[in-house]
């Protein structure tokens, strides 16, 4: 190929670049999202249960473990969000600690925390096969996070 032809092609690519770039980016992002979704599905399936317990448990127990883990994390997330809103309300809106709104927030926080504890305890009971009492569950801090 001649040198002048090569430079003409380079100029042509440079001029056409703004026209085809959105399509290249779109195709690239679609392929990346497909790969991400494929990897995410494999990760969710792998982390859904403890792999050592998988052959021993029946599917209903596995579904209950996944549901209690999801609901426990949701309750904790709602608790942290409500706590943040309450702190923001007290700090920036001038809500007093002994006002009616603060008492309502306290009740909501206590309910969310109690629900998180109940769900985490039921998740722990499913994981241990029903062995143990609440005192044994609470004695070790690592048991609070539902797995």
Protein backbone atom coordinates (compact mmCIF):
# COMPACT_ATOMS: atom_id res chain seq x y z
CA UNK A 1 0.00 0.00 0.00
CA UNK A 2 1.30 3.42 -0.89
CA UNK A 3 2.17 5.95 1.72
CA UNK A 4 -0.38 8.44 0.40
CA UNK A 5 -3.12 5.80 0.49
CA UNK A 6 -2.29 4.97 4.11
CA UNK A 7 -2.47 8.60 5.14
CA UNK A 8 -5.74 9.00 3.25
CA UNK A 9 -7.20 6.01 5.13
CA UNK A 10 -6.04 7.46 8.44
CA UNK A 11 -7.76 10.75 7.65
CA UNK A 12 -10.89 8.86 6.59
CA UNK A 13 -10.94 6.87 9.86
CA UNK A 14 -10.39 10.04 11.82
CA UNK A 15 -13.31 11.76 10.07
CA UNK A 16 -15.63 8.75 10.43
CA UNK A 17 -14.68 8.17 14.08
CA UNK A 18 -17.49 10.33 15.55
CA UNK A 19 -20.01 8.46 13.41
CA UNK A 20 -19.17 4.91 14.43
CA UNK A 21 -17.89 5.47 17.98
CA UNK A 22 -21.35 5.32 19.67
CA UNK A 23 -22.00 1.96 18.03
CA UNK A 24 -18.65 0.58 19.14
CA UNK A 25 -19.25 1.77 22.70
CA UNK A 26 -22.77 0.31 22.67
CA UNK A 27 -21.62 -3.10 21.48
CA UNK A 28 -18.77 -3.09 23.99
CA UNK A 29 -21.06 -2.14 26.89
CA UNK A 30 -23.63 -4.79 25.94
CA UNK A 31 -20.97 -7.47 25.91
CA UNK A 32 -19.58 -6.26 29.24
CA UNK A 33 -23.07 -6.28 30.83
CA UNK A 34 -23.75 -9.78 29.53
CA UNK A 35 -20.47 -10.96 31.07
CA UNK A 36 -21.28 -9.13 34.32
CA UNK A 37 -24.73 -10.72 34.56
CA UNK A 38 -23.29 -14.15 33.80
CA UNK A 39 -20.64 -13.73 36.51
CA UNK A 40 -23.16 -12.30 38.97
CA UNK A 41 -25.53 -15.23 38.51
CA UNK A 42 -22.69 -17.70 39.10
CA UNK A 43 -21.59 -15.73 42.18
CA UNK A 44 -25.11 -15.67 43.63
CA UNK A 45 -25.55 -19.39 43.09
CA UNK A 46 -22.17 -20.12 44.64
CA UNK A 47 -22.69 -17.86 47.65
CA UNK A 48 -26.32 -18.78 48.27
CA UNK A 49 -25.39 -21.46 50.78
CA UNK A 50 -22.40 -22.90 52.46
CA UNK A 51 -21.00 -25.36 49.93
CA UNK A 52 -20.08 -27.86 52.64
CA UNK A 53 -23.72 -28.08 53.71
CA UNK A 54 -25.21 -28.22 50.21
CA UNK A 55 -25.31 -32.01 49.78
CA UNK A 56 -26.85 -32.52 53.23
CA UNK A 57 -29.66 -29.95 53.12
CA UNK A 58 -32.97 -30.33 51.40
CA UNK A 59 -34.11 -27.62 48.96
CA UNK A 60 -36.68 -26.17 51.37
CA UNK A 61 -33.99 -25.54 53.97
CA UNK A 62 -31.74 -23.96 51.36
CA UNK A 63 -34.58 -21.65 50.25
CA UNK A 64 -35.24 -20.73 53.89
CA UNK A 65 -31.55 -19.95 54.42
CA UNK A 66 -31.44 -17.70 51.38
CA UNK A 67 -34.68 -15.96 52.38
CA UNK A 68 -33.61 -15.36 55.99
CA UNK A 69 -30.24 -14.05 54.85
CA UNK A 70 -31.85 -11.63 52.40
CA UNK A 71 -34.52 -10.46 54.86
CA UNK A 72 -32.02 -10.08 57.69
CA UNK A 73 -29.75 -7.91 55.61
CA UNK A 74 -32.75 -5.87 54.47
CA UNK A 75 -33.82 -5.24 58.07
CA UNK A 76 -30.31 -4.17 59.01
CA UNK A 77 -30.14 -1.86 56.01
CA UNK A 78 -33.50 -0.30 56.95
CA UNK A 79 -32.28 0.07 60.54
CA UNK A 80 -29.13 1.90 59.45
CA UNK A 81 -31.14 4.10 57.07
CA UNK A 82 -33.72 5.00 59.73
CA UNK A 83 -30.93 5.70 62.22
CA UNK A 84 -29.28 8.01 59.70
CA UNK A 85 -32.55 9.86 59.08
CA UNK A 86 -33.10 10.24 62.82
CA UNK A 87 -29.59 11.57 63.42
CA UNK A 88 -29.99 13.96 60.47
CA UNK A 89 -33.35 15.07 61.86
CA UNK A 90 -31.85 15.77 65.26
CA UNK A 91 -28.72 17.48 63.95
CA UNK A 92 -30.08 19.62 61.12
CA UNK A 93 -33.80 20.06 61.70
CA UNK A 94 -33.62 20.76 65.39
CA UNK A 95 -35.67 17.75 66.52
CA UNK A 96 -35.19 17.25 70.24
CA UNK A 97 -34.26 13.87 71.68
CA UNK A 98 -37.37 13.69 73.85
CA UNK A 99 -39.87 14.91 71.26
CA UNK A 100 -42.70 12.84 69.82
CA UNK A 101 -40.82 12.37 66.52
CA UNK A 102 -37.77 11.04 68.34
CA UNK A 103 -39.87 8.60 70.34
CA UNK A 104 -41.47 7.38 67.10
CA UNK A 105 -38.05 6.94 65.50
CA UNK A 106 -36.86 5.06 68.58
CA UNK A 107 -39.80 2.66 68.36
CA UNK A 108 -39.17 2.09 64.64
CA UNK A 109 -35.47 1.47 65.31
CA UNK A 110 -36.24 -1.00 68.09
CA UNK A 111 -38.69 -2.91 65.90
CA UNK A 112 -36.20 -3.12 63.03
CA UNK A 113 -33.40 -4.22 65.35
CA UNK A 114 -35.59 -6.86 67.00
CA UNK A 115 -36.67 -8.17 63.59
CA UNK A 116 -33.03 -8.34 62.48
CA UNK A 117 -32.15 -10.32 65.62
CA UNK A 118 -35.09 -12.69 65.13
CA UNK A 119 -34.26 -13.34 61.49
CA UNK A 120 -30.56 -13.80 62.26
CA UNK A 121 -31.44 -16.26 65.02
CA UNK A 122 -33.67 -18.27 62.70
CA UNK A 123 -30.91 -18.27 60.07
CA UNK A 124 -28.46 -19.53 62.68
CA UNK A 125 -30.92 -22.22 63.77
CA UNK A 126 -31.24 -23.39 60.16
CA UNK A 127 -27.48 -23.46 59.74
CA UNK A 128 -26.82 -25.38 62.94
CA UNK A 129 -29.73 -27.75 62.51
CA UNK A 130 -31.78 -26.40 65.40
CA UNK A 131 -29.12 -27.02 68.02
CA UNK A 132 -28.55 -24.31 70.57
CA UNK A 133 -30.43 -21.61 72.38
CA UNK A 134 -30.55 -17.84 72.04
CA UNK A 135 -27.85 -17.42 74.69
CA UNK A 136 -25.43 -19.54 72.63
CA UNK A 137 -26.36 -17.56 69.52
CA UNK A 138 -25.74 -14.18 71.13
CA UNK A 139 -22.54 -15.28 72.90
CA UNK A 140 -20.56 -15.15 69.67
CA UNK A 141 -20.80 -11.90 67.73
CA UNK A 142 -20.15 -13.52 64.37
CA UNK A 143 -23.49 -15.32 64.51
CA UNK A 144 -25.41 -12.05 64.18
CA UNK A 145 -24.64 -11.65 60.48
CA UNK A 146 -26.92 -14.00 58.51
CA UNK A 147 -25.04 -16.23 56.09
